[in-house]
Amino acid sequence: MMESLRCLVCQGQSIADSDAEMAMDMRALVRRRIAAGEEPDEIRNWLVDRYGRWITYDPPIDSVTWPLWLLPILLLGIGIWLARGRFRRRRKES
């Protein structure tokens, strides 16, 4: 679970990988909540409510994040379409 939560200080590392004091505090908080019987999804939802969706490396698919999931597929499709057209032109020229 800690690998999927972004460090608020480092931003490019998860709280599991970061040596920042804030990441250490967040790891301790997650461990305390798990020890208290909370489910990982409940903890993640609490952190998202507190810090926003940015805190997680695995954002849910909803009305705000669906373009982030769709854009790579769309760009790949455009790339294939462009490459296909270029290969067709080369065949005609030969």
PDB file of N, CA and C in Angstrom:
ATOM      1  N   MET A   1       0.812  -1.192   0.000  1.00  0.00           N
ATOM      2  CA  MET A   1       0.000   0.000   0.000  1.00  0.00           C
ATOM      3  C   MET A   1       0.857   1.257   0.000  1.00  0.00           C
ATOM      4  N   MET A   2       1.938   1.259   0.763  1.00  0.00           N
ATOM      5  CA  MET A   2       2.759   2.467   0.878  1.00  0.00           C
ATOM      6  C   MET A   2       3.481   2.805  -0.425  1.00  0.00           C
ATOM      7  N   GLU A   3       3.666   1.801  -1.280  1.00  0.00           N
ATOM      8  CA  GLU A   3       4.308   2.047  -2.573  1.00  0.00           C
ATOM      9  C   GLU A   3       3.407   2.835  -3.512  1.00  0.00           C
ATOM     10  N   SER A   4       2.109   2.809  -3.250  1.00  0.00           N
ATOM     11  CA  SER A   4       1.169   3.506  -4.140  1.00  0.00           C
ATOM     12  C   SER A   4       0.792   4.900  -3.638  1.00  0.00           C
ATOM     13  N   LEU A   5       1.408   5.334  -2.534  1.00  0.00           N
ATOM     14  CA  LEU A   5       1.141   6.672  -1.990  1.00  0.00           C
ATOM     15  C   LEU A   5       2.349   7.576  -2.224  1.00  0.00           C
ATOM     16  N   ARG A   6       2.104   8.733  -2.784  1.00  0.00           N
ATOM     17  CA  ARG A   6       3.165   9.684  -3.147  1.00  0.00           C
ATOM     18  C   ARG A   6       3.616  10.470  -1.917  1.00  0.00           C
ATOM     19  N   CYS A   7       4.917  10.674  -1.812  1.00  0.00           N
ATOM     20  CA  CYS A   7       5.477  11.510  -0.755  1.00  0.00           C
ATOM     21  C   CYS A   7       5.128  12.966  -1.055  1.00  0.00           C
ATOM     22  N   LEU A   8       4.642  13.677  -0.078  1.00  0.00           N
ATOM     23  CA  LEU A   8       4.245  15.067  -0.269  1.00  0.00           C
ATOM     24  C   LEU A   8       5.446  15.994  -0.423  1.00  0.00           C
ATOM     25  N   VAL A   9       6.592  15.598   0.092  1.00  0.00           N
ATOM     26  CA  VAL A   9       7.787  16.425   0.007  1.00  0.00           C
ATOM     27  C   VAL A   9       8.569  16.107  -1.265  1.00  0.00           C
ATOM     28  N   CYS A  10       8.847  14.828  -1.492  1.00  0.00           N
ATOM     29  CA  CYS A  10       9.680  14.415  -2.636  1.00  0.00           C
ATOM     30  C   CYS A  10       8.909  14.450  -3.948  1.00  0.00           C
ATOM     31  N   GLN A  11       7.664  14.148  -3.922  1.00  0.00           N
ATOM     32  CA  GLN A  11       6.734  14.153  -5.046  1.00  0.00           C
ATOM     33  C   GLN A  11       7.041  13.094  -6.093  1.00  0.00           C
ATOM     34  N   GLY A  12       8.278  12.725  -6.291  1.00  0.00           N
ATOM     35  CA  GLY A  12       8.605  11.709  -7.281  1.00  0.00           C
ATOM     36  C   GLY A  12       8.820  10.339  -6.670  1.00  0.00           C
ATOM     37  N   GLN A  13       8.671  10.232  -5.370  1.00  0.00           N
ATOM     38  CA  GLN A  13       8.877   8.970  -4.672  1.00  0.00           C
ATOM     39  C   GLN A  13       7.643   8.607  -3.873  1.00  0.00           C
ATOM     40  N   SER A  14       7.511   7.320  -3.627  1.00  0.00           N
ATOM     41  CA  SER A  14       6.424   6.875  -2.757  1.00  0.00           C
ATOM     42  C   SER A  14       6.857   7.085  -1.304  1.00  0.00           C
ATOM     43  N   ILE A  15       5.905   6.999  -0.388  1.00  0.00           N
ATOM     44  CA  ILE A  15       6.272   7.150   1.023  1.00  0.00           C
ATOM     45  C   ILE A  15       7.119   5.969   1.484  1.00  0.00           C
ATOM     46  N   ALA A  16       7.043   4.843   0.786  1.00  0.00           N
ATOM     47  CA  ALA A  16       7.860   3.683   1.133  1.00  0.00           C
ATOM     48  C   ALA A  16       9.330   3.918   0.786  1.00  0.00           C
ATOM     49  N   ASP A  17       9.600   4.691  -0.273  1.00  0.00           N
ATOM     50  CA  ASP A  17      10.969   4.915  -0.747  1.00  0.00           C
ATOM     51  C   ASP A  17      11.609   6.188  -0.221  1.00  0.00           C
ATOM     52  N   SER A  18      10.815   7.117   0.238  1.00  0.00           N
ATOM     53  CA  SER A  18      11.317   8.433   0.622  1.00  0.00           C
ATOM     54  C   SER A  18      11.937   8.426   2.018  1.00  0.00           C
ATOM     55  N   ASP A  19      12.997   9.222   2.180  1.00  0.00           N
ATOM     56  CA  ASP A  19      13.629   9.404   3.484  1.00  0.00           C
ATOM     57  C   ASP A  19      13.173  10.700   4.158  1.00  0.00           C
ATOM     58  N   ALA A  20      12.243  11.416   3.536  1.00  0.00           N
ATOM     59  CA  ALA A  20      11.758  12.683   4.096  1.00  0.00           C
ATOM     60  C   ALA A  20      11.002  12.416   5.401  1.00  0.00           C
ATOM     61  N   GLU A  21      11.102  13.374   6.311  1.00  0.00           N
ATOM     62  CA  GLU A  21      10.439  13.235   7.609  1.00  0.00           C
ATOM     63  C   GLU A  21       8.922  13.087   7.455  1.00  0.00           C
ATOM     64  N   MET A  22       8.346  13.825   6.493  1.00  0.00           N
ATOM     65  CA  MET A  22       6.906  13.737   6.241  1.00  0.00           C
ATOM     66  C   MET A  22       6.523  12.324   5.808  1.00  0.00           C
ATOM     67  N   ALA A  23       7.348  11.701   4.979  1.00  0.00           N
ATOM     68  CA  ALA A  23       7.071  10.330   4.531  1.00  0.00           C
ATOM     69  C   ALA A  23       7.139   9.359   5.708  1.00  0.00           C
ATOM     70  N   MET A  24       8.102   9.578   6.597  1.00  0.00           N
ATOM     71  CA  MET A  24       8.206   8.726   7.788  1.00  0.00           C
ATOM     72  C   MET A  24       6.956   8.867   8.648  1.00  0.00           C
ATOM     73  N   ASP A  25       6.477  10.096   8.795  1.00  0.00           N
ATOM     74  CA  ASP A  25       5.252  10.332   9.569  1.00  0.00           C
ATOM     75  C   ASP A  25       4.057   9.652   8.913  1.00  0.00           C
ATOM     76  N   MET A  26       3.974   9.728   7.588  1.00  0.00           N
ATOM     77  CA  MET A  26       2.854   9.106   6.881  1.00  0.00           C
ATOM     78  C   MET A  26       2.911   7.576   6.991  1.00  0.00           C
ATOM     79  N   ARG A  27       4.120   7.004   6.908  1.00  0.00           N
ATOM     80  CA  ARG A  27       4.264   5.548   7.086  1.00  0.00           C
ATOM     81  C   ARG A  27       3.793   5.141   8.475  1.00  0.00           C
ATOM     82  N   ALA A  28       4.203   5.904   9.488  1.00  0.00           N
ATOM     83  CA  ALA A  28       3.795   5.606  10.867  1.00  0.00           C
ATOM     84  C   ALA A  28       2.280   5.715  11.007  1.00  0.00           C
ATOM     85  N   LEU A  29       1.695   6.718  10.382  1.00  0.00           N
ATOM     86  CA  LEU A  29       0.248   6.903  10.433  1.00  0.00           C
ATOM     87  C   LEU A  29      -0.470   5.714   9.795  1.00  0.00           C
ATOM     88  N   VAL A  30       0.003   5.288   8.634  1.00  0.00           N
ATOM     89  CA  VAL A  30      -0.609   4.145   7.947  1.00  0.00           C
ATOM     90  C   VAL A  30      -0.490   2.892   8.812  1.00  0.00           C
ATOM     91  N   ARG A  31       0.678   2.672   9.391  1.00  0.00           N
ATOM     92  CA  ARG A  31       0.863   1.491  10.256  1.00  0.00           C
ATOM     93  C   ARG A  31      -0.065   1.525  11.466  1.00  0.00           C
ATOM     94  N   ARG A  32      -0.205   2.701  12.085  1.00  0.00           N
ATOM     95  CA  ARG A  32      -1.103   2.821  13.254  1.00  0.00           C
ATOM     96  C   ARG A  32      -2.549   2.521  12.866  1.00  0.00           C
ATOM     97  N   ARG A  33      -2.976   3.037  11.737  1.00  0.00           N
ATOM     98  CA  ARG A  33      -4.362   2.827  11.311  1.00  0.00           C
ATOM     99  C   ARG A  33      -4.608   1.364  10.954  1.00  0.00           C
ATOM    100  N   ILE A  34      -3.629   0.721  10.323  1.00  0.00           N
ATOM    101  CA  ILE A  34      -3.771  -0.708  10.016  1.00  0.00           C
ATOM    102  C   ILE A  34      -3.826  -1.510  11.312  1.00  0.00           C
ATOM    103  N   ALA A  35      -2.957  -1.162  12.281  1.00  0.00           N
ATOM    104  CA  ALA A  35      -2.958  -1.844  13.575  1.00  0.00           C
ATOM    105  C   ALA A  35      -4.278  -1.640  14.309  1.00  0.00           C
ATOM    106  N   ALA A  36      -4.927  -0.502  14.064  1.00  0.00           N
ATOM    107  CA  ALA A  36      -6.218  -0.216  14.698  1.00  0.00           C
ATOM    108  C   ALA A  36      -7.364  -0.955  14.008  1.00  0.00           C
ATOM    109  N   GLY A  37      -7.067  -1.655  12.913  1.00  0.00           N
ATOM    110  CA  GLY A  37      -8.099  -2.458  12.255  1.00  0.00           C
ATOM    111  C   GLY A  37      -8.705  -1.851  11.006  1.00  0.00           C
ATOM    112  N   GLU A  38      -8.188  -0.718  10.560  1.00  0.00           N
ATOM    113  CA  GLU A  38      -8.725  -0.109   9.335  1.00  0.00           C
ATOM    114  C   GLU A  38      -8.238  -0.867   8.110  1.00  0.00           C
ATOM    115  N   GLU A  39      -9.076  -0.917   7.118  1.00  0.00           N
ATOM    116  CA  GLU A  39      -8.731  -1.547   5.844  1.00  0.00           C
ATOM    117  C   GLU A  39      -7.866  -0.587   5.021  1.00  0.00           C
ATOM    118  N   PRO A  40      -6.946  -1.117   4.202  1.00  0.00           N
ATOM    119  CA  PRO A  40      -6.112  -0.254   3.362  1.00  0.00           C
ATOM    120  C   PRO A  40      -6.915   0.702   2.479  1.00  0.00           C
ATOM    121  N   ASP A  41      -8.048   0.243   1.940  1.00  0.00           N
ATOM    122  CA  ASP A  41      -8.873   1.125   1.112  1.00  0.00           C
ATOM    123  C   ASP A  41      -9.444   2.296   1.909  1.00  0.00           C
ATOM    124  N   GLU A  42      -9.793   2.040   3.156  1.00  0.00           N
ATOM    125  CA  GLU A  42     -10.302   3.120   4.011  1.00  0.00           C
ATOM    126  C   GLU A  42      -9.212   4.160   4.281  1.00  0.00           C
ATOM    127  N   ILE A  43      -8.003   3.671   4.525  1.00  0.00           N
ATOM    128  CA  ILE A  43      -6.882   4.576   4.779  1.00  0.00           C
ATOM    129  C   ILE A  43      -6.570   5.393   3.532  1.00  0.00           C
ATOM    130  N   ARG A  44      -6.536   4.724   2.377  1.00  0.00           N
ATOM    131  CA  ARG A  44      -6.272   5.425   1.114  1.00  0.00           C
ATOM    132  C   ARG A  44      -7.340   6.487   0.871  1.00  0.00           C
ATOM    133  N   ASN A  45      -8.605   6.143   1.076  1.00  0.00           N
ATOM    134  CA  ASN A  45      -9.693   7.111   0.874  1.00  0.00           C
ATOM    135  C   ASN A  45      -9.555   8.300   1.818  1.00  0.00           C
ATOM    136  N   TRP A  46      -9.155   8.050   3.059  1.00  0.00           N
ATOM    137  CA  TRP A  46      -8.964   9.129   4.023  1.00  0.00           C
ATOM    138  C   TRP A  46      -7.841  10.066   3.561  1.00  0.00           C
ATOM    139  N   LEU A  47      -6.736   9.473   3.087  1.00  0.00           N
ATOM    140  CA  LEU A  47      -5.621  10.285   2.602  1.00  0.00           C
ATOM    141  C   LEU A  47      -6.006  11.075   1.353  1.00  0.00           C
ATOM    142  N   VAL A  48      -6.764  10.465   0.446  1.00  0.00           N
ATOM    143  CA  VAL A  48      -7.221  11.172  -0.753  1.00  0.00           C
ATOM    144  C   VAL A  48      -8.144  12.323  -0.359  1.00  0.00           C
ATOM    145  N   ASP A  49      -9.038  12.090   0.599  1.00  0.00           N
ATOM    146  CA  ASP A  49      -9.917  13.164   1.072  1.00  0.00           C
ATOM    147  C   ASP A  49      -9.113  14.310   1.682  1.00  0.00           C
ATOM    148  N   ARG A  50      -8.047  13.963   2.383  1.00  0.00           N
ATOM    149  CA  ARG A  50      -7.250  14.971   3.073  1.00  0.00           C
ATOM    150  C   ARG A  50      -6.292  15.714   2.139  1.00  0.00           C
ATOM    151  N   TYR A  51      -5.618  14.975   1.221  1.00  0.00           N
ATOM    152  CA  TYR A  51      -4.584  15.582   0.387  1.00  0.00           C
ATOM    153  C   TYR A  51      -4.953  15.678  -1.090  1.00  0.00           C
ATOM    154  N   GLY A  52      -6.039  15.081  -1.490  1.00  0.00           N
ATOM    155  CA  GLY A  52      -6.444  15.094  -2.896  1.00  0.00           C
ATOM    156  C   GLY A  52      -5.974  13.849  -3.632  1.00  0.00           C
ATOM    157  N   ARG A  53      -6.474  13.682  -4.839  1.00  0.00           N
ATOM    158  CA  ARG A  53      -6.149  12.488  -5.636  1.00  0.00           C
ATOM    159  C   ARG A  53      -4.680  12.404  -5.980  1.00  0.00           C
ATOM    160  N   TRP A  54      -4.007  13.522  -5.930  1.00  0.00           N
ATOM    161  CA  TRP A  54      -2.596  13.580  -6.283  1.00  0.00           C
ATOM    162  C   TRP A  54      -1.756  12.659  -5.401  1.00  0.00           C
ATOM    163  N   ILE A  55      -2.215  12.375  -4.196  1.00  0.00           N
ATOM    164  CA  ILE A  55      -1.448  11.586  -3.227  1.00  0.00           C
ATOM    165  C   ILE A  55      -1.240  10.139  -3.688  1.00  0.00           C
ATOM    166  N   THR A  56      -2.095   9.647  -4.561  1.00  0.00           N
ATOM    167  CA  THR A  56      -2.007   8.247  -4.976  1.00  0.00           C
ATOM    168  C   THR A  56      -1.432   8.116  -6.385  1.00  0.00           C
ATOM    169  N   TYR A  57      -0.599   7.100  -6.572  1.00  0.00           N
ATOM    170  CA  TYR A  57      -0.051   6.802  -7.896  1.00  0.00           C
ATOM    171  C   TYR A  57      -1.041   6.026  -8.740  1.00  0.00           C
ATOM    172  N   ASP A  58      -2.118   5.571  -8.149  1.00  0.00           N
ATOM    173  CA  ASP A  58      -3.109   4.762  -8.854  1.00  0.00           C
ATOM    174  C   ASP A  58      -4.484   5.430  -8.730  1.00  0.00           C
ATOM    175  N   PRO A  59      -4.694   6.536  -9.478  1.00  0.00           N
ATOM    176  CA  PRO A  59      -5.969   7.250  -9.344  1.00  0.00           C
ATOM    177  C   PRO A  59      -7.127   6.423  -9.895  1.00  0.00           C
ATOM    178  N   PRO A  60      -8.300   6.527  -9.270  1.00  0.00           N
ATOM    179  CA  PRO A  60      -9.465   5.778  -9.759  1.00  0.00           C
ATOM    180  C   PRO A  60      -9.962   6.372 -11.078  1.00  0.00           C
ATOM    181  N   ILE A  61     -10.629   5.557 -11.856  1.00  0.00           N
ATOM    182  CA  ILE A  61     -11.220   6.055 -13.101  1.00  0.00           C
ATOM    183  C   ILE A  61     -12.563   6.675 -12.754  1.00  0.00           C
ATOM    184  N   ASP A  62     -12.676   7.976 -12.973  1.00  0.00           N
ATOM    185  CA  ASP A  62     -13.940   8.678 -12.764  1.00  0.00           C
ATOM    186  C   ASP A  62     -14.008   9.847 -13.746  1.00  0.00           C
ATOM    187  N   SER A  63     -14.965  10.717 -13.571  1.00  0.00           N
ATOM    188  CA  SER A  63     -15.190  11.796 -14.540  1.00  0.00           C
ATOM    189  C   SER A  63     -14.007  12.758 -14.654  1.00  0.00           C
ATOM    190  N   VAL A  64     -13.193  12.861 -13.633  1.00  0.00           N
ATOM    191  CA  VAL A  64     -12.065  13.776 -13.664  1.00  0.00           C
ATOM    192  C   VAL A  64     -10.817  13.107 -14.251  1.00  0.00           C
ATOM    193  N   THR A  65     -10.601  11.826 -13.963  1.00  0.00           N
ATOM    194  CA  THR A  65      -9.356  11.163 -14.359  1.00  0.00           C
ATOM    195  C   THR A  65      -9.450  10.338 -15.635  1.00  0.00           C
ATOM    196  N   TRP A  66     -10.645  10.162 -16.214  1.00  0.00           N
ATOM    197  CA  TRP A  66     -10.736   9.301 -17.397  1.00  0.00           C
ATOM    198  C   TRP A  66      -9.891   9.805 -18.565  1.00  0.00           C
ATOM    199  N   PRO A  67      -9.703  11.126 -18.759  1.00  0.00           N
ATOM    200  CA  PRO A  67      -8.810  11.540 -19.861  1.00  0.00           C
ATOM    201  C   PRO A  67      -7.365  11.053 -19.672  1.00  0.00           C
ATOM    202  N   LEU A  68      -6.913  10.961 -18.419  1.00  0.00           N
ATOM    203  CA  LEU A  68      -5.558  10.468 -18.163  1.00  0.00           C
ATOM    204  C   LEU A  68      -5.402   9.012 -18.580  1.00  0.00           C
ATOM    205  N   TRP A  69      -6.465   8.235 -18.436  1.00  0.00           N
ATOM    206  CA  TRP A  69      -6.423   6.822 -18.824  1.00  0.00           C
ATOM    207  C   TRP A  69      -6.640   6.658 -20.330  1.00  0.00           C
ATOM    208  N   LEU A  70      -7.430   7.520 -20.924  1.00  0.00           N
ATOM    209  CA  LEU A  70      -7.773   7.394 -22.343  1.00  0.00           C
ATOM    210  C   LEU A  70      -6.701   7.982 -23.256  1.00  0.00           C
ATOM    211  N   LEU A  71      -6.018   9.015 -22.825  1.00  0.00           N
ATOM    212  CA  LEU A  71      -5.056   9.713 -23.677  1.00  0.00           C
ATOM    213  C   LEU A  71      -3.944   8.811 -24.227  1.00  0.00           C
ATOM    214  N   PRO A  72      -3.301   7.949 -23.426  1.00  0.00           N
ATOM    215  CA  PRO A  72      -2.261   7.081 -24.001  1.00  0.00           C
ATOM    216  C   PRO A  72      -2.805   6.152 -25.089  1.00  0.00           C
ATOM    217  N   ILE A  73      -3.993   5.631 -24.899  1.00  0.00           N
ATOM    218  CA  ILE A  73      -4.603   4.753 -25.902  1.00  0.00           C
ATOM    219  C   ILE A  73      -4.888   5.544 -27.172  1.00  0.00           C
ATOM    220  N   LEU A  74      -5.407   6.750 -27.018  1.00  0.00           N
ATOM    221  CA  LEU A  74      -5.702   7.610 -28.164  1.00  0.00           C
ATOM    222  C   LEU A  74      -4.425   7.968 -28.927  1.00  0.00           C
ATOM    223  N   LEU A  75      -3.368   8.339 -28.205  1.00  0.00           N
ATOM    224  CA  LEU A  75      -2.101   8.681 -28.858  1.00  0.00           C
ATOM    225  C   LEU A  75      -1.485   7.479 -29.573  1.00  0.00           C
ATOM    226  N   LEU A  76      -1.598   6.317 -28.983  1.00  0.00           N
ATOM    227  CA  LEU A  76      -1.110   5.105 -29.634  1.00  0.00           C
ATOM    228  C   LEU A  76      -1.871   4.847 -30.932  1.00  0.00           C
ATOM    229  N   GLY A  77      -3.189   5.009 -30.898  1.00  0.00           N
ATOM    230  CA  GLY A  77      -4.011   4.827 -32.095  1.00  0.00           C
ATOM    231  C   GLY A  77      -3.637   5.819 -33.189  1.00  0.00           C
ATOM    232  N   ILE A  78      -3.404   7.068 -32.824  1.00  0.00           N
ATOM    233  CA  ILE A  78      -3.000   8.080 -33.806  1.00  0.00           C
ATOM    234  C   ILE A  78      -1.637   7.727 -34.402  1.00  0.00           C
ATOM    235  N   GLY A  79      -0.722   7.260 -33.564  1.00  0.00           N
ATOM    236  CA  GLY A  79       0.594   6.866 -34.051  1.00  0.00           C
ATOM    237  C   GLY A  79       0.518   5.708 -35.041  1.00  0.00           C
ATOM    238  N   ILE A  80      -0.312   4.719 -34.744  1.00  0.00           N
ATOM    239  CA  ILE A  80      -0.496   3.581 -35.656  1.00  0.00           C
ATOM    240  C   ILE A  80      -1.112   4.055 -36.961  1.00  0.00           C
ATOM    241  N   TRP A  81      -2.099   4.936 -36.872  1.00  0.00           N
ATOM    242  CA  TRP A  81      -2.756   5.454 -38.076  1.00  0.00           C
ATOM    243  C   TRP A  81      -1.769   6.222 -38.955  1.00  0.00           C
ATOM    244  N   LEU A  82      -0.921   7.066 -38.338  1.00  0.00           N
ATOM    245  CA  LEU A  82       0.073   7.819 -39.096  1.00  0.00           C
ATOM    246  C   LEU A  82       1.119   6.898 -39.727  1.00  0.00           C
ATOM    247  N   ALA A  83       1.578   5.903 -38.973  1.00  0.00           N
ATOM    248  CA  ALA A  83       2.563   4.964 -39.506  1.00  0.00           C
ATOM    249  C   ALA A  83       1.978   4.161 -40.660  1.00  0.00           C
ATOM    250  N   ARG A  84       0.749   3.758 -40.535  1.00  0.00           N
ATOM    251  CA  ARG A  84       0.074   3.000 -41.599  1.00  0.00           C
ATOM    252  C   ARG A  84       0.010   3.826 -42.886  1.00  0.00           C
ATOM    253  N   GLY A  85      -0.350   5.104 -42.780  1.00  0.00           N
ATOM    254  CA  GLY A  85      -0.408   5.983 -43.938  1.00  0.00           C
ATOM    255  C   GLY A  85       0.966   6.172 -44.577  1.00  0.00           C
ATOM    256  N   ARG A  86       1.992   6.277 -43.756  1.00  0.00           N
ATOM    257  CA  ARG A  86       3.356   6.447 -44.285  1.00  0.00           C
ATOM    258  C   ARG A  86       3.813   5.195 -45.028  1.00  0.00           C
ATOM    259  N   PHE A  87       3.510   4.017 -44.475  1.00  0.00           N
ATOM    260  CA  PHE A  87       3.897   2.768 -45.143  1.00  0.00           C
ATOM    261  C   PHE A  87       3.142   2.582 -46.456  1.00  0.00           C
ATOM    262  N   ARG A  88       1.889   2.991 -46.496  1.00  0.00           N
ATOM    263  CA  ARG A  88       1.109   2.890 -47.736  1.00  0.00           C
ATOM    264  C   ARG A  88       1.706   3.783 -48.820  1.00  0.00           C
ATOM    265  N   ARG A  89       2.128   4.996 -48.453  1.00  0.00           N
ATOM    266  CA  ARG A  89       2.729   5.907 -49.414  1.00  0.00           C
ATOM    267  C   ARG A  89       4.034   5.342 -49.981  1.00  0.00           C
ATOM    268  N   ARG A  90       4.810   4.696 -49.138  1.00  0.00           N
ATOM    269  CA  ARG A  90       6.076   4.095 -49.608  1.00  0.00           C
ATOM    270  C   ARG A  90       5.822   2.986 -50.612  1.00  0.00           C
ATOM    271  N   ARG A  91       4.788   2.178 -50.381  1.00  0.00           N
ATOM    272  CA  ARG A  91       4.452   1.096 -51.328  1.00  0.00           C
ATOM    273  C   ARG A  91       4.040   1.652 -52.673  1.00  0.00           C
ATOM    274  N   LYS A  92       3.265   2.724 -52.671  1.00  0.00           N
ATOM    275  CA  LYS A  92       2.807   3.332 -53.931  1.00  0.00           C
ATOM    276  C   LYS A  92       3.977   3.923 -54.717  1.00  0.00           C
ATOM    277  N   GLU A  93       4.969   4.471 -53.992  1.00  0.00           N
ATOM    278  CA  GLU A  93       6.128   5.082 -54.649  1.00  0.00           C
ATOM    279  C   GLU A  93       7.049   4.031 -55.254  1.00  0.00           C
ATOM    280  N   SER A  94       7.055   2.822 -54.726  1.00  0.00           N
ATOM    281  CA  SER A  94       7.960   1.771 -55.196  1.00  0.00           C
ATOM    282  C   SER A  94       7.557   1.177 -56.494  1.00  0.00           C
TER     283      SER A  94
END
